[in-house]
Amino acid sequence: MDLVRGRLGLAAAVHLITVALNVALGAGAPLLAQFNPLSGIIVVFALRLVSPLDVPLGEEPGWRGFALPHLQADRSPLLATLILGVLVAGWHAPLLLPQYGLRPLDLLVTVAVTFWYTWLFNHTGGSVLMTIVAHATEGIIEPSEFWAAGAAAAQGA
């Protein structure tokens, strides 16, 4: 449970730092009305956690439940994760098509997150559930909700 709270706390801290930097660079301060209520965050998290059509439940059993243990059977966790990170990034490469809006840098983030998930998987006794929970926390808070839509335009003016 501490890992889950830590993961949620880390996500919130990263977003708050992003807001602080955005405001420091000249954007307006976010309004409280822009934040989703906690109940909305909980509902989105719960749906991401149990929906077989969403990414966490669809990917984690394969990546961490099947591939990672097989890769780590005869490789170090570091090498196994590097291989898995490249595979996961390749899996997400079609999202680079213009209609999806993913940037090439996002694939490097995917590889980096693979290292976090390997650490989590290995330090929870091989718990795929914990990687599903961690994966489900991603996307429940959108950075764009922390400031007005015109913040980028204000920067460009």
Protein backbone atom coordinates (compact mmCIF):
# COMPACT_ATOMS: atom_id res chain seq x y z
CA MET A 1 0.00 0.00 0.00
CA ASP A 2 2.89 2.38 0.69
CA LEU A 3 4.11 1.81 -2.87
CA VAL A 4 0.72 2.81 -4.25
CA ARG A 5 0.58 5.95 -2.10
CA GLY A 6 4.17 6.74 -3.03
CA ARG A 7 3.40 6.33 -6.74
CA LEU A 8 0.35 8.60 -6.48
CA GLY A 9 2.34 11.09 -4.43
CA LEU A 10 5.14 11.10 -6.98
CA ALA A 11 2.68 11.72 -9.83
CA ALA A 12 1.07 14.60 -7.92
CA ALA A 13 4.49 16.08 -7.07
CA VAL A 14 5.61 15.98 -10.70
CA HIS A 15 2.41 17.73 -11.80
CA LEU A 16 2.69 20.37 -9.07
CA ILE A 17 6.30 21.08 -10.07
CA THR A 18 5.12 21.41 -13.66
CA VAL A 19 2.46 23.91 -12.59
CA ALA A 20 5.02 25.88 -10.56
CA LEU A 21 7.41 26.06 -13.52
CA ASN A 22 4.59 27.03 -15.86
CA VAL A 23 3.54 29.89 -13.56
CA ALA A 24 7.18 30.92 -13.00
CA LEU A 25 7.59 31.24 -16.77
CA GLY A 26 4.68 33.64 -17.05
CA ALA A 27 1.47 31.64 -17.30
CA GLY A 28 -1.47 32.53 -15.12
CA ALA A 29 -2.05 30.67 -11.88
CA PRO A 30 -4.49 27.78 -12.19
CA LEU A 31 -7.97 28.19 -10.80
CA LEU A 32 -9.39 25.74 -8.29
CA ALA A 33 -12.33 25.18 -10.65
CA GLN A 34 -9.91 23.60 -13.16
CA PHE A 35 -9.14 20.67 -10.87
CA ASN A 36 -11.23 17.55 -11.11
CA PRO A 37 -12.84 16.56 -7.85
CA LEU A 38 -11.19 13.65 -6.05
CA SER A 39 -14.20 11.48 -6.78
CA GLY A 40 -13.58 11.88 -10.50
CA ILE A 41 -9.96 10.80 -10.10
CA ILE A 42 -11.01 7.77 -8.07
CA VAL A 43 -13.59 6.73 -10.67
CA VAL A 44 -11.10 7.04 -13.54
CA PHE A 45 -8.50 5.07 -11.54
CA ALA A 46 -11.02 2.33 -10.75
CA LEU A 47 -12.10 2.07 -14.38
CA ARG A 48 -8.49 1.92 -15.59
CA LEU A 49 -7.77 -0.74 -13.00
CA VAL A 50 -10.50 -3.19 -14.00
CA SER A 51 -11.33 -2.46 -17.64
CA PRO A 52 -9.94 -5.17 -19.91
CA LEU A 53 -10.14 -2.69 -22.78
CA ASP A 54 -7.81 -0.22 -21.07
CA VAL A 55 -4.05 -0.40 -21.18
CA PRO A 56 -3.04 -1.59 -17.66
CA LEU A 57 -5.08 -4.77 -17.58
CA GLY A 58 -4.43 -5.36 -21.26
CA GLU A 59 -0.63 -4.95 -21.18
CA GLU A 60 0.76 -5.77 -17.75
CA PRO A 61 -0.04 -9.50 -17.65
CA GLY A 62 1.89 -9.89 -20.91
CA TRP A 63 4.81 -7.56 -20.25
CA ARG A 64 5.39 -8.21 -16.55
CA GLY A 65 3.51 -11.47 -16.03
CA PHE A 66 4.94 -13.36 -19.00
CA ALA A 67 7.81 -11.59 -20.79
CA LEU A 68 9.76 -10.18 -17.85
CA PRO A 69 10.08 -13.44 -15.88
CA HIS A 70 11.23 -15.24 -19.05
CA LEU A 71 13.73 -12.51 -19.89
CA GLN A 72 15.08 -12.46 -16.33
CA ALA A 73 15.44 -16.25 -16.25
CA ASP A 74 18.83 -16.08 -17.97
CA ARG A 75 19.61 -12.34 -17.96
CA SER A 76 20.24 -9.67 -15.37
CA PRO A 77 17.26 -7.48 -14.46
CA LEU A 78 19.03 -4.56 -16.15
CA LEU A 79 19.52 -6.34 -19.48
CA ALA A 80 16.06 -7.95 -19.31
CA THR A 81 14.48 -4.55 -18.72
CA LEU A 82 16.41 -2.93 -21.52
CA ILE A 83 15.22 -5.62 -23.93
CA LEU A 84 11.65 -5.34 -22.63
CA GLY A 85 11.77 -1.54 -22.80
CA VAL A 86 12.70 -1.68 -26.48
CA LEU A 87 9.89 -4.19 -27.10
CA VAL A 88 7.34 -2.05 -25.24
CA ALA A 89 8.49 1.09 -27.10
CA GLY A 90 8.15 -0.82 -30.39
CA TRP A 91 4.65 -1.88 -29.36
CA HIS A 92 3.75 1.78 -28.83
CA ALA A 93 5.53 3.06 -31.99
CA PRO A 94 2.32 3.13 -34.08
CA LEU A 95 1.15 5.87 -31.71
CA LEU A 96 3.73 8.13 -33.43
CA LEU A 97 1.29 8.47 -36.33
CA PRO A 98 -0.02 12.05 -36.49
CA GLN A 99 -3.58 11.19 -35.48
CA TYR A 100 -2.37 9.92 -32.07
CA GLY A 101 -0.08 12.80 -31.16
CA LEU A 102 2.72 10.81 -29.52
CA ARG A 103 6.19 12.34 -29.85
CA PRO A 104 9.41 10.30 -30.28
CA LEU A 105 10.53 11.47 -26.82
CA ASP A 106 7.47 9.71 -25.39
CA LEU A 107 8.95 6.37 -26.47
CA LEU A 108 12.05 7.11 -24.36
CA VAL A 109 9.74 7.81 -21.43
CA THR A 110 8.11 4.43 -22.09
CA VAL A 111 11.52 2.73 -21.84
CA ALA A 112 12.25 4.62 -18.60
CA VAL A 113 8.90 3.64 -17.11
CA THR A 114 9.70 0.01 -17.98
CA PHE A 115 12.65 0.23 -15.57
CA TRP A 116 10.31 1.52 -12.82
CA TYR A 117 7.86 -1.32 -13.45
CA THR A 118 10.65 -3.91 -13.37
CA TRP A 119 11.83 -2.56 -10.06
CA LEU A 120 8.27 -2.63 -8.73
CA PHE A 121 7.66 -6.15 -10.06
CA ASN A 122 10.90 -7.49 -8.57
CA HIS A 123 10.43 -5.78 -5.20
CA THR A 124 6.86 -6.98 -4.72
CA GLY A 125 7.65 -10.64 -5.21
CA GLY A 126 6.61 -10.66 -8.85
CA SER A 127 3.24 -8.98 -8.32
CA VAL A 128 1.59 -8.20 -11.63
CA LEU A 129 -1.25 -6.64 -9.66
CA MET A 130 1.09 -3.95 -8.34
CA THR A 131 2.29 -3.11 -11.86
CA ILE A 132 -1.35 -2.95 -13.00
CA VAL A 133 -2.10 -0.54 -10.12
CA ALA A 134 0.96 1.59 -10.97
CA HIS A 135 0.04 1.62 -14.65
CA ALA A 136 -3.56 2.53 -13.82
CA THR A 137 -2.39 5.60 -11.89
CA GLU A 138 -0.87 6.99 -15.06
CA GLY A 139 -3.25 9.24 -16.89
CA ILE A 140 -5.65 9.85 -14.02
CA ILE A 141 -4.31 13.38 -13.61
CA GLU A 142 -3.68 15.33 -16.80
CA PRO A 143 -1.09 18.12 -16.63
CA SER A 144 -3.28 20.32 -18.84
CA GLU A 145 -5.86 20.44 -16.05
CA PHE A 146 -3.47 22.41 -13.85
CA TRP A 147 -3.54 25.60 -15.90
CA ALA A 148 -5.70 27.48 -18.30
CA ALA A 149 -5.76 26.35 -21.93
CA GLY A 150 -4.36 29.73 -22.90
CA ALA A 151 -1.15 29.30 -20.90
CA ALA A 152 0.85 28.20 -23.92
CA ALA A 153 -0.59 31.07 -25.94
CA ALA A 154 0.37 33.52 -23.18
CA GLN A 155 3.94 32.20 -23.36
CA GLY A 156 4.03 32.77 -27.12
CA ALA A 157 2.70 36.33 -26.90
